[in-house]
């Protein structure tokens, strides 16, 4: 569903493209970090570190973490 008028889309795009590549990269990193914090806040607080990382990976990428990615001790 697309509910943004084309002129608003163009205005937002023009403002974004007026930023330097460095500024756009920083914005992307900040958005990713914000999403990561929201995901972490939704997970149980008492999970072991490896399980927390695995669940974070699965929520971000939408697929199970590779079996050999984190070795559970």
N, C-alpha and C. Protein backbone atom coordinates (compact mmCIF):
# COMPACT_ATOMS: atom_id res chain seq x y z
N UNK A 1 0.84 -1.17 0.00
CA UNK A 1 0.00 0.00 0.00
C UNK A 1 0.89 1.24 0.00
N UNK A 2 0.56 2.16 -0.84
CA UNK A 2 1.34 3.38 -0.96
C UNK A 2 0.41 4.56 -0.72
N UNK A 3 0.61 5.25 0.41
CA UNK A 3 -0.31 6.34 0.75
C UNK A 3 0.36 7.71 0.75
N UNK A 4 1.61 7.78 0.27
CA UNK A 4 2.32 9.05 0.24
C UNK A 4 2.16 9.69 -1.13
N UNK A 5 1.69 10.93 -1.17
CA UNK A 5 1.55 11.60 -2.47
C UNK A 5 2.91 11.74 -3.17
N UNK A 6 2.95 11.64 -4.48
CA UNK A 6 4.22 11.70 -5.22
C UNK A 6 5.03 12.96 -4.94
N UNK A 7 4.36 14.11 -4.78
CA UNK A 7 5.11 15.35 -4.53
C UNK A 7 5.82 15.32 -3.18
N UNK A 8 5.21 14.66 -2.20
CA UNK A 8 5.85 14.52 -0.88
C UNK A 8 7.02 13.55 -0.97
N UNK A 9 6.83 12.46 -1.69
CA UNK A 9 7.92 11.50 -1.90
C UNK A 9 9.12 12.20 -2.54
N UNK A 10 8.87 13.01 -3.54
CA UNK A 10 9.95 13.73 -4.23
C UNK A 10 10.63 14.73 -3.30
N UNK A 11 9.85 15.41 -2.47
CA UNK A 11 10.42 16.36 -1.53
C UNK A 11 11.35 15.66 -0.53
N UNK A 12 10.89 14.54 0.00
CA UNK A 12 11.70 13.78 0.96
C UNK A 12 12.97 13.27 0.28
N UNK A 13 12.82 12.74 -0.92
CA UNK A 13 14.00 12.25 -1.66
C UNK A 13 14.98 13.37 -1.94
N UNK A 14 14.50 14.52 -2.35
CA UNK A 14 15.38 15.66 -2.64
C UNK A 14 16.15 16.08 -1.39
N UNK A 15 15.47 16.11 -0.25
CA UNK A 15 16.15 16.48 1.00
C UNK A 15 17.21 15.44 1.37
N UNK A 16 16.87 14.17 1.21
CA UNK A 16 17.81 13.12 1.52
C UNK A 16 19.03 13.20 0.60
N UNK A 17 18.81 13.39 -0.69
CA UNK A 17 19.90 13.43 -1.64
C UNK A 17 20.75 14.71 -1.51
N UNK A 18 20.22 15.73 -0.85
CA UNK A 18 20.99 16.94 -0.60
C UNK A 18 22.04 16.72 0.49
N UNK A 19 21.89 15.67 1.25
CA UNK A 19 22.87 15.33 2.29
C UNK A 19 24.07 14.67 1.63
N UNK A 20 25.21 14.78 2.29
CA UNK A 20 26.41 14.11 1.78
C UNK A 20 26.27 12.60 1.96
N UNK A 21 27.10 11.86 1.27
CA UNK A 21 27.09 10.41 1.43
C UNK A 21 27.38 10.01 2.87
N UNK A 22 28.28 10.74 3.51
CA UNK A 22 28.61 10.45 4.91
C UNK A 22 27.39 10.66 5.80
N UNK A 23 26.65 11.75 5.57
CA UNK A 23 25.45 12.02 6.38
C UNK A 23 24.39 10.94 6.17
N UNK A 24 24.23 10.49 4.92
CA UNK A 24 23.24 9.44 4.64
C UNK A 24 23.65 8.13 5.30
N UNK A 25 24.95 7.83 5.27
CA UNK A 25 25.43 6.62 5.93
C UNK A 25 25.16 6.68 7.43
N UNK A 26 25.45 7.82 8.04
CA UNK A 26 25.21 7.98 9.48
C UNK A 26 23.73 7.81 9.80
N UNK A 27 22.85 8.38 8.97
CA UNK A 27 21.41 8.21 9.19
C UNK A 27 21.01 6.74 9.13
N UNK A 28 21.57 6.01 8.15
CA UNK A 28 21.26 4.59 8.02
C UNK A 28 21.72 3.80 9.23
N UNK A 29 22.91 4.10 9.71
CA UNK A 29 23.44 3.42 10.90
C UNK A 29 22.56 3.72 12.11
N UNK A 30 22.16 4.98 12.25
CA UNK A 30 21.30 5.36 13.38
C UNK A 30 19.95 4.65 13.31
N UNK A 31 19.38 4.52 12.11
CA UNK A 31 18.10 3.82 11.97
C UNK A 31 18.25 2.34 12.31
N UNK A 32 19.36 1.73 11.86
CA UNK A 32 19.60 0.32 12.17
C UNK A 32 19.74 0.13 13.67
N UNK A 33 20.50 1.00 14.33
CA UNK A 33 20.69 0.91 15.78
C UNK A 33 19.36 1.08 16.53
N UNK A 34 18.51 1.98 16.05
CA UNK A 34 17.21 2.17 16.69
C UNK A 34 16.36 0.91 16.56
N UNK A 35 16.37 0.31 15.37
CA UNK A 35 15.61 -0.93 15.16
C UNK A 35 16.16 -2.05 16.05
N UNK A 36 17.48 -2.12 16.16
CA UNK A 36 18.13 -3.13 17.00
C UNK A 36 17.70 -2.96 18.46
N UNK A 37 17.65 -1.74 18.95
CA UNK A 37 17.24 -1.49 20.33
C UNK A 37 15.78 -1.89 20.56
N UNK A 38 14.92 -1.64 19.58
CA UNK A 38 13.51 -2.04 19.70
C UNK A 38 13.41 -3.57 19.79
N UNK A 39 14.17 -4.25 18.94
CA UNK A 39 14.16 -5.72 18.96
C UNK A 39 14.67 -6.24 20.31
N UNK A 40 15.80 -5.70 20.76
CA UNK A 40 16.36 -6.15 22.04
C UNK A 40 15.39 -5.91 23.19
N UNK A 41 14.67 -4.81 23.15
CA UNK A 41 13.70 -4.51 24.21
C UNK A 41 12.54 -5.51 24.21
N UNK A 42 12.28 -6.14 23.07
CA UNK A 42 11.17 -7.08 22.99
C UNK A 42 11.55 -8.50 23.41
N UNK A 43 12.84 -8.75 23.60
CA UNK A 43 13.30 -10.09 23.96
C UNK A 43 13.42 -10.22 25.48
N UNK A 44 13.29 -11.45 26.00
CA UNK A 44 13.46 -11.65 27.44
C UNK A 44 14.84 -11.19 27.89
N UNK A 45 14.91 -10.62 29.07
CA UNK A 45 16.15 -10.04 29.58
C UNK A 45 17.13 -11.08 30.12
N UNK A 46 16.65 -12.27 30.43
CA UNK A 46 17.51 -13.26 31.08
C UNK A 46 18.07 -14.31 30.13
N UNK A 47 18.11 -14.04 28.84
CA UNK A 47 18.64 -15.00 27.88
C UNK A 47 20.17 -15.02 27.92
N UNK A 48 20.76 -16.19 27.72
CA UNK A 48 22.22 -16.25 27.59
C UNK A 48 22.65 -15.44 26.37
N UNK A 49 23.87 -14.92 26.39
CA UNK A 49 24.36 -14.03 25.33
C UNK A 49 24.26 -14.67 23.95
N UNK A 50 24.65 -15.93 23.80
CA UNK A 50 24.59 -16.59 22.49
C UNK A 50 23.16 -16.69 21.97
N UNK A 51 22.22 -17.02 22.85
CA UNK A 51 20.83 -17.14 22.43
C UNK A 51 20.27 -15.76 22.07
N UNK A 52 20.63 -14.75 22.81
CA UNK A 52 20.19 -13.39 22.52
C UNK A 52 20.68 -12.95 21.14
N UNK A 53 21.95 -13.20 20.85
CA UNK A 53 22.52 -12.85 19.55
C UNK A 53 21.83 -13.61 18.42
N UNK A 54 21.56 -14.88 18.66
CA UNK A 54 20.90 -15.70 17.64
C UNK A 54 19.49 -15.17 17.34
N UNK A 55 18.73 -14.85 18.40
CA UNK A 55 17.37 -14.33 18.20
C UNK A 55 17.40 -12.95 17.53
N UNK A 56 18.36 -12.12 17.90
CA UNK A 56 18.51 -10.82 17.27
C UNK A 56 18.78 -10.98 15.77
N UNK A 57 19.68 -11.88 15.42
CA UNK A 57 19.98 -12.17 14.02
C UNK A 57 18.72 -12.59 13.28
N UNK A 58 17.97 -13.51 13.86
CA UNK A 58 16.78 -14.04 13.21
C UNK A 58 15.71 -12.97 13.02
N UNK A 59 15.57 -12.07 13.99
CA UNK A 59 14.58 -11.00 13.85
C UNK A 59 14.99 -9.98 12.79
N UNK A 60 16.27 -9.68 12.72
CA UNK A 60 16.75 -8.69 11.75
C UNK A 60 16.70 -9.23 10.33
N UNK A 61 17.22 -10.44 10.13
CA UNK A 61 17.37 -10.97 8.78
C UNK A 61 16.22 -11.87 8.34
N UNK A 62 15.35 -12.28 9.26
CA UNK A 62 14.17 -13.06 8.90
C UNK A 62 14.44 -14.50 8.54
N UNK A 63 15.63 -14.98 8.84
CA UNK A 63 15.99 -16.38 8.59
C UNK A 63 16.76 -16.88 9.81
N UNK A 64 16.77 -18.18 10.03
CA UNK A 64 17.54 -18.71 11.16
C UNK A 64 19.03 -18.40 11.00
N UNK A 65 19.69 -18.18 12.11
CA UNK A 65 21.13 -17.95 12.08
C UNK A 65 21.81 -19.23 11.61
N UNK A 66 22.91 -19.11 10.86
CA UNK A 66 23.63 -20.31 10.42
C UNK A 66 24.03 -21.17 11.62
N UNK A 67 23.97 -22.46 11.44
CA UNK A 67 24.23 -23.40 12.54
C UNK A 67 25.62 -23.20 13.15
N UNK A 68 26.59 -22.87 12.31
CA UNK A 68 27.96 -22.73 12.82
C UNK A 68 28.32 -21.28 13.17
N UNK A 69 27.36 -20.40 13.13
CA UNK A 69 27.62 -18.98 13.38
C UNK A 69 28.05 -18.72 14.80
N UNK A 70 27.30 -19.22 15.75
CA UNK A 70 27.64 -19.09 17.17
C UNK A 70 27.67 -20.47 17.78
N UNK A 71 28.77 -20.83 18.29
CA UNK A 71 28.88 -22.12 18.97
C UNK A 71 28.40 -21.95 20.39
N UNK A 72 27.39 -22.73 20.78
CA UNK A 72 26.90 -22.71 22.16
C UNK A 72 27.89 -23.47 23.03
N UNK A 73 28.32 -22.86 24.11
CA UNK A 73 29.26 -23.52 25.01
C UNK A 73 28.56 -24.42 25.99
